[in-house]
Protein backbone atom coordinates (compact mmCIF):
# COMPACT_ATOMS: atom_id res chain seq x y z
CA MET A 1 112.35 85.27 93.00
CA ASN A 2 112.86 83.47 95.93
CA GLN A 3 111.38 79.27 95.23
CA GLU A 4 111.19 78.60 98.56
CA PRO A 5 107.65 77.35 99.98
CA TYR A 6 105.92 80.22 101.86
CA LEU A 7 102.07 81.33 103.08
CA SER A 8 100.45 83.96 101.09
CA LEU A 9 97.13 86.19 102.31
CA GLN A 10 94.18 86.95 99.85
CA LEU A 11 93.17 90.15 100.86
CA ARG A 12 89.37 91.20 100.22
CA THR A 13 89.53 93.79 97.91
CA PHE A 14 85.95 93.89 97.19
CA SER A 15 82.56 94.23 99.10
CA ALA A 16 78.77 93.09 97.71
CA ASP A 17 77.64 96.30 99.26
CA THR A 18 79.25 99.56 100.40
CA PRO A 19 81.99 99.37 103.48
CA ILE A 20 82.46 101.77 106.15
CA SER A 21 86.12 102.20 105.43
CA TRP A 22 88.70 100.31 103.53
CA GLN A 23 91.42 100.72 106.55
CA PRO A 24 91.08 96.83 107.95
CA VAL A 25 92.26 95.74 104.68
CA VAL A 26 94.76 97.93 105.10
CA ASP A 27 95.52 96.69 108.30
CA GLN A 28 95.49 93.43 107.17
CA ALA A 29 97.72 94.04 104.79
CA ILE A 30 100.10 95.63 107.57
CA ALA A 31 99.86 92.65 109.85
CA ALA A 32 100.83 90.34 107.04
CA ASP A 33 104.05 92.10 106.45
CA ARG A 34 105.20 92.01 110.07
CA ALA A 35 103.87 88.78 110.78
CA GLY A 36 106.34 87.48 107.88
CA VAL A 37 103.51 86.37 105.20
CA GLY A 38 105.42 85.80 101.98
CA LYS A 39 103.16 87.69 100.15
CA VAL A 40 99.55 89.23 100.10
CA VAL A 41 97.06 89.35 96.76
CA VAL A 42 94.45 90.66 95.65
CA SER A 43 91.69 90.43 92.68
CA ASP A 44 90.39 92.22 90.02
CA HIS A 45 86.81 93.21 88.53
CA VAL A 46 86.98 96.82 86.29
CA ALA A 47 83.01 96.44 85.70
CA PHE A 48 80.08 94.15 85.41
CA GLY A 49 77.28 93.23 83.77
CA GLU A 50 74.11 92.51 84.68
CA GLU A 51 74.38 88.76 84.36
CA LEU A 52 76.97 86.74 86.79
CA GLY A 53 75.69 83.23 86.18
CA MET A 54 77.96 82.54 83.55
CA TYR A 55 81.24 82.81 86.11
CA GLY A 56 79.81 79.13 86.76
CA ASP A 57 80.37 77.77 83.03
CA PRO A 58 83.93 76.78 82.66
CA LYS A 59 83.73 76.47 78.59
CA ILE A 60 84.32 80.36 78.90
CA GLY A 61 87.03 80.64 81.93
CA GLY A 62 84.76 80.25 84.81
CA ILE A 63 84.59 77.43 87.21
CA SER A 64 82.36 74.67 87.98
CA GLY A 65 79.36 75.85 90.27
CA GLY A 66 80.97 79.00 90.90
CA THR A 67 79.38 81.47 91.95
CA GLN A 68 80.66 85.50 92.39
CA PRO A 69 80.99 86.95 95.80
CA THR A 70 79.21 89.99 95.03
CA GLY A 71 76.09 91.19 92.54
CA PRO A 72 76.92 93.97 89.43
CA ASP A 73 76.91 96.66 92.08
CA GLY A 74 79.48 94.84 93.95
CA HIS A 75 82.83 97.16 95.19
CA TRP A 76 85.91 95.49 93.53
CA LEU A 77 89.42 98.09 94.41
CA GLU A 78 91.87 98.82 91.14
CA PRO A 79 94.24 95.72 92.30
CA LEU A 80 97.02 98.25 91.06
CA THR A 81 95.93 101.35 93.17
CA PHE A 82 95.57 99.27 96.26
CA LEU A 83 99.15 97.91 96.31
CA SER A 84 100.16 101.49 95.65
CA LEU A 85 98.97 102.03 98.70
CA ILE A 86 100.35 99.25 100.46
CA ALA A 87 103.70 99.44 99.06
CA GLY A 88 103.34 102.94 101.03
CA VAL A 89 102.79 100.81 104.41
CA THR A 90 104.60 97.71 104.58
CA THR A 91 108.62 96.41 103.82
CA ASN A 92 108.94 92.82 103.25
CA VAL A 93 105.91 91.44 101.80
CA ARG A 94 105.58 90.57 98.23
CA LEU A 95 102.45 92.23 96.32
CA GLY A 96 100.58 90.17 94.01
CA THR A 97 97.53 89.88 92.09
CA ASN A 98 94.92 86.84 91.69
CA ILE A 99 94.65 87.50 88.76
CA LEU A 100 94.54 90.86 86.76
CA LEU A 101 92.67 90.97 84.00
CA ALA A 102 95.96 92.30 82.13
CA ALA A 103 94.22 91.95 78.90
CA LEU A 104 91.85 95.14 79.65
CA ARG A 105 94.48 97.94 80.56
CA ARG A 106 96.60 99.32 77.40
CA PRO A 107 100.19 97.48 76.60
CA ALA A 108 102.55 100.28 77.47
CA VAL A 109 100.64 101.89 80.40
CA LEU A 110 100.34 98.53 82.46
CA ALA A 111 104.11 98.02 81.97
CA LYS A 112 104.79 101.64 83.11
CA THR A 113 102.33 101.03 86.33
CA LEU A 114 103.56 97.73 87.07
CA ALA A 115 107.28 98.86 86.21
CA THR A 116 106.95 102.28 88.56
CA LEU A 117 105.15 99.62 91.64
CA ASP A 118 108.13 97.58 91.34
CA VAL A 119 110.48 100.53 91.94
CA LEU A 120 108.09 102.42 94.80
CA SER A 121 108.19 98.71 96.41
CA GLY A 122 111.54 98.25 95.89
CA GLY A 123 111.29 94.85 93.69
CA ARG A 124 108.23 93.37 95.35
CA VAL A 125 105.35 92.68 93.06
CA ASP A 126 104.08 89.54 91.36
CA LEU A 127 101.89 89.52 88.44
CA GLY A 128 99.08 87.10 88.14
CA VAL A 129 97.49 87.18 84.83
CA GLY A 130 94.48 84.93 83.45
CA VAL A 131 91.94 85.63 80.54
CA GLY A 132 88.60 86.43 82.72
CA TRP A 133 84.96 84.90 81.90
CA GLN A 134 82.71 88.17 81.19
CA LYS A 135 81.82 88.92 78.26
CA GLU A 136 80.35 92.40 78.98
CA GLU A 137 83.74 93.76 80.85
CA TYR A 138 85.42 93.40 78.09
CA GLU A 139 83.04 94.89 75.47
CA ALA A 140 82.83 98.27 77.93
CA CYS A 141 86.82 98.13 77.28
CA GLY A 142 85.89 98.07 74.02
CA LEU A 143 87.48 95.11 73.14
CA ASP A 144 86.51 91.43 71.74
CA PHE A 145 85.71 88.74 74.29
CA GLU A 146 86.51 86.03 71.97
CA GLY A 147 90.56 87.13 71.27
CA ARG A 148 90.70 88.01 74.85
CA GLY A 149 94.17 85.45 74.80
CA ARG A 150 95.77 86.46 72.00
CA ILE A 151 95.40 90.06 73.87
CA LEU A 152 96.49 89.00 76.98
CA ASP A 153 99.31 87.28 75.26
CA HIS A 154 100.51 90.31 72.97
CA THR A 155 99.85 92.66 76.92
CA LEU A 156 102.38 90.28 78.20
CA GLU A 157 104.91 90.39 74.84
CA VAL A 158 104.77 94.32 75.22
CA CYS A 159 104.85 94.39 78.49
CA GLN A 160 108.33 92.28 78.89
CA THR A 161 109.81 94.04 75.51
CA LEU A 162 109.59 97.67 77.17
CA TRP A 163 111.08 96.12 80.51
CA GLN A 164 114.00 94.12 79.28
CA ASN A 165 115.15 96.94 76.29
CA THR A 166 116.68 100.03 76.78
CA ILE A 167 115.70 101.06 73.22
CA ALA A 168 112.52 98.83 72.65
CA ASP A 169 111.07 97.78 69.06
CA TYR A 170 107.84 95.69 68.54
CA GLU A 171 105.78 94.66 65.60
CA SER A 172 102.53 93.06 65.30
CA PRO A 173 99.33 92.92 63.61
CA GLU A 174 97.94 94.85 66.70
CA LEU A 175 100.82 97.66 67.52
CA SER A 176 104.25 98.27 66.29
CA PHE A 177 106.76 100.72 67.79
CA SER A 178 110.16 101.33 67.24
CA SER A 179 112.80 102.98 69.16
CA ILE A 180 110.86 103.61 72.33
CA HIS A 181 112.04 104.69 75.66
CA ALA A 182 110.27 103.92 78.58
CA MET A 183 111.83 104.67 82.05
CA PRO A 184 112.11 102.88 84.64
CA LYS A 185 112.49 99.64 83.78
CA PRO A 186 111.60 97.48 87.19
CA VAL A 187 113.44 96.79 90.10
CA GLN A 188 113.44 92.85 89.31
CA SER A 189 115.58 91.75 86.76
CA ASN A 190 114.20 91.01 83.33
CA GLY A 191 110.77 92.58 84.75
CA VAL A 192 108.18 91.82 87.09
CA PRO A 193 107.51 88.02 87.77
CA ILE A 194 104.43 87.13 85.97
CA TRP A 195 102.41 83.78 87.34
CA VAL A 196 99.94 82.75 84.51
CA SER A 197 96.43 81.39 85.91
CA GLY A 198 94.74 78.79 83.85
CA THR A 199 94.07 74.99 83.20
CA VAL A 200 96.60 72.64 81.74
CA ASN A 201 95.07 73.15 77.86
CA GLY A 202 97.55 73.89 75.07
CA ARG A 203 96.94 78.25 75.08
CA SER A 204 96.84 78.91 78.73
CA MET A 205 100.14 76.54 78.79
CA LYS A 206 102.37 78.08 75.90
CA ARG A 207 101.31 81.41 77.77
CA LEU A 208 102.93 79.50 81.01
CA ALA A 209 105.86 78.50 79.22
CA THR A 210 106.39 81.76 77.58
CA PHE A 211 105.72 84.32 80.00
CA GLY A 212 105.62 82.81 83.38
CA SER A 213 107.71 82.65 86.67
CA GLY A 214 104.68 80.40 88.41
CA TRP A 215 101.47 78.88 87.64
CA ILE A 216 98.02 79.43 89.18
CA PRO A 217 95.83 76.86 88.69
CA TRP A 218 92.19 76.62 88.06
CA GLY A 219 89.21 74.55 87.84
CA PRO A 220 89.65 70.53 87.89
CA ASP A 221 93.53 71.14 88.22
CA ALA A 222 93.33 73.69 91.04
CA ASN A 223 91.02 70.93 92.58
CA ASP A 224 93.49 67.77 91.82
CA ILE A 225 96.94 69.70 92.62
CA GLN A 226 98.82 67.13 92.52
CA THR A 227 97.74 65.52 89.26
CA GLY A 228 97.77 69.23 88.07
CA ILE A 229 101.36 69.74 88.92
CA ARG A 230 102.37 66.67 86.83
CA SER A 231 100.02 67.66 83.53
CA MET A 232 101.55 71.32 83.69
CA ARG A 233 105.12 69.99 83.74
CA GLU A 234 104.81 67.37 81.24
CA THR A 235 102.85 70.13 78.90
CA VAL A 236 105.35 73.43 79.32
CA LEU A 237 107.97 71.04 78.52
CA GLN A 238 106.52 70.03 75.10
CA PHE A 239 106.76 73.87 74.68
CA GLY A 240 110.40 74.04 75.45
CA ARG A 241 110.11 75.21 78.48
CA ASP A 242 111.92 73.95 81.76
CA PRO A 243 108.88 72.90 84.32
CA LYS A 244 111.73 73.48 87.41
CA ASP A 245 111.74 76.95 86.63
CA ILE A 246 107.82 77.41 87.60
CA GLN A 247 106.51 78.08 90.69
CA VAL A 248 103.40 76.82 91.54
CA MET A 249 100.22 78.36 94.05
CA GLY A 250 98.02 76.21 95.84
CA VAL A 251 95.46 76.89 98.22
CA LEU A 252 96.21 75.97 101.46
CA PRO A 253 93.35 73.56 102.85
CA ILE A 254 91.62 74.98 106.11
CA ILE A 255 90.50 72.27 108.68
CA ARG A 256 87.95 73.35 111.22
CA GLY A 257 87.38 72.01 114.25
CA GLU A 258 85.01 72.82 117.32
CA ASN A 259 86.74 76.43 117.94
CA GLY A 260 87.59 77.42 114.39
CA ILE A 261 90.93 77.15 112.60
CA ASP A 262 92.92 73.95 113.47
CA PHE A 263 96.47 75.27 112.22
CA ASN A 264 97.83 72.24 113.26
CA GLU A 265 95.82 69.79 111.53
CA THR A 266 96.01 72.17 108.34
CA MET A 267 99.85 72.86 108.16
CA ALA A 268 99.92 68.85 108.55
CA ALA A 269 99.07 68.88 104.78
CA VAL A 270 102.10 71.24 103.49
CA PRO A 271 105.05 68.95 103.60
CA GLU A 272 103.25 66.52 101.33
CA LEU A 273 102.38 69.68 99.22
CA VAL A 274 105.90 70.93 98.92
CA GLU A 275 106.92 67.59 97.46
CA SER A 276 104.38 68.07 94.68
CA GLY A 277 105.37 71.13 93.56
CA ILE A 278 103.53 73.67 95.35
CA THR A 279 105.49 77.17 96.46
CA ASP A 280 102.65 79.77 97.34
CA PHE A 281 100.74 78.45 99.89
CA ARG A 282 97.68 81.04 99.01
CA ALA A 283 95.47 81.15 102.70
CA TYR A 284 91.66 82.29 102.70
CA LEU A 285 91.48 83.39 106.38
CA PRO A 286 89.41 84.80 108.57
CA VAL A 287 91.88 87.42 109.79
CA PRO A 288 90.22 90.18 112.80
CA GLU A 289 90.15 93.54 112.81
CA GLY A 290 93.01 95.39 114.04
CA ILE A 291 96.79 95.60 113.39
CA GLU A 292 97.79 93.73 116.76
CA GLU A 293 95.46 91.30 116.55
CA ALA A 294 95.83 90.62 112.95
CA THR A 295 100.00 90.45 113.86
CA ASP A 296 99.33 87.80 116.52
CA TYR A 297 96.99 85.80 114.28
CA LEU A 298 99.15 85.92 111.46
CA SER A 299 102.20 85.18 113.60
CA SER A 300 101.03 82.12 114.78
CA ALA A 301 100.00 80.89 111.42
CA VAL A 302 103.30 81.72 109.80
CA GLU A 303 105.14 80.31 112.79
CA LEU A 304 103.14 76.84 112.44
CA PHE A 305 103.72 76.78 109.15
CA ASN A 306 107.24 77.25 109.08
CA GLU A 307 107.85 74.50 111.60
CA THR A 308 106.47 71.95 109.09
CA LEU A 309 109.43 72.70 106.84
CA SER A 310 111.98 71.80 109.48
């Protein structure tokens, strides 16, 4: 997996109301591929309860003061299904989730789905995972919300077991199997890279140290990313993991001028953030509609980004 810094683009695969068409989002992914964007990523929700205010509660995995971008009847595309479509219309851009609620999926089926997507895309998949914040979503899937961290760890362990072994054996209180064959394997060696989302706390850092190729900071650790990275590195080292092996996602701070985004000022912060350890610069950009227009817009952003690193 490439550890050179790159620009990534968050795609808006959700809508507060029924969209006329999802094609503009597909066009953005095509444009990102043509423009040399490193990765496109999509978000996940399987279902919603009536009350969404808990998203603003960091005690259960929300973000202080945060609000959901849609109401309970918002439309959210299933991420891996959408990325399968994008895999077929792109060539180079990596395909990621930010994040997938992996614990809501049965582990062996998820392993198969991700392996298939990795094969069909030529080894371009990154799996970003987190535990989520909504109890009702777990209840809708017949799962214990309080045990979501344990379920996620179990899910990731099963996925990696099936990806890395021709004949797989696994035993846990939740699931046991022996002499299981599951093909195809992902194209990428050791399986699909896993990016773990979370704050710097013992549970999420142990998860990162055990399974993670990359870290997606959350909450205060995302807001003060440089301090967060230092804390993350110190903590995973305590779990026996070399932090130099772990990539880091950071949101690209957008600077606006009188005529919209000032890309020169925005990109000026990149070298310092690279020095702090960020490799994946996540951009939330108002990409224009139309493949040609979007390609030109994103090409300019990528060119300026690369110039700051040269």
